[in-house]
Amino acid sequence: MNKAEILSQLSENVDVTKKDAEIVIDAFLDIISEALASGDKVVLSGFGTFEVRNRVSRSGVNPRTGERIDIPSQKTPAFKVGKVLKDKLR
């Protein structure tokens, strides 16, 4: 399912225009992105939790040259599935 399909279903289920649904979805995604960027955790009860995790630095190999490289630590987004969603998928 892509964003256009989500917008279509949302506009049908809530009886709003697709334009209004797009505004809501974009605002929702912006709020989650900003919260994660500031280091906050976003919890949607029953659905799951979005959070930022730190990946430790490690060494790797450049596949073209075979040269060893150092990969610096970085922050990465993560999603942990909630119990209600997990039970629906079973």
Foldseek 3Di string as FASTA:
>chain_A
DDPQVVLVVVCVVVVHDSVVSVVVVVVVVVVCVVCQVVQHKDDDALFWIKGKDKDQKDWDADVVPRDIDIRHIDIDIDIDGHPNVVVVVD
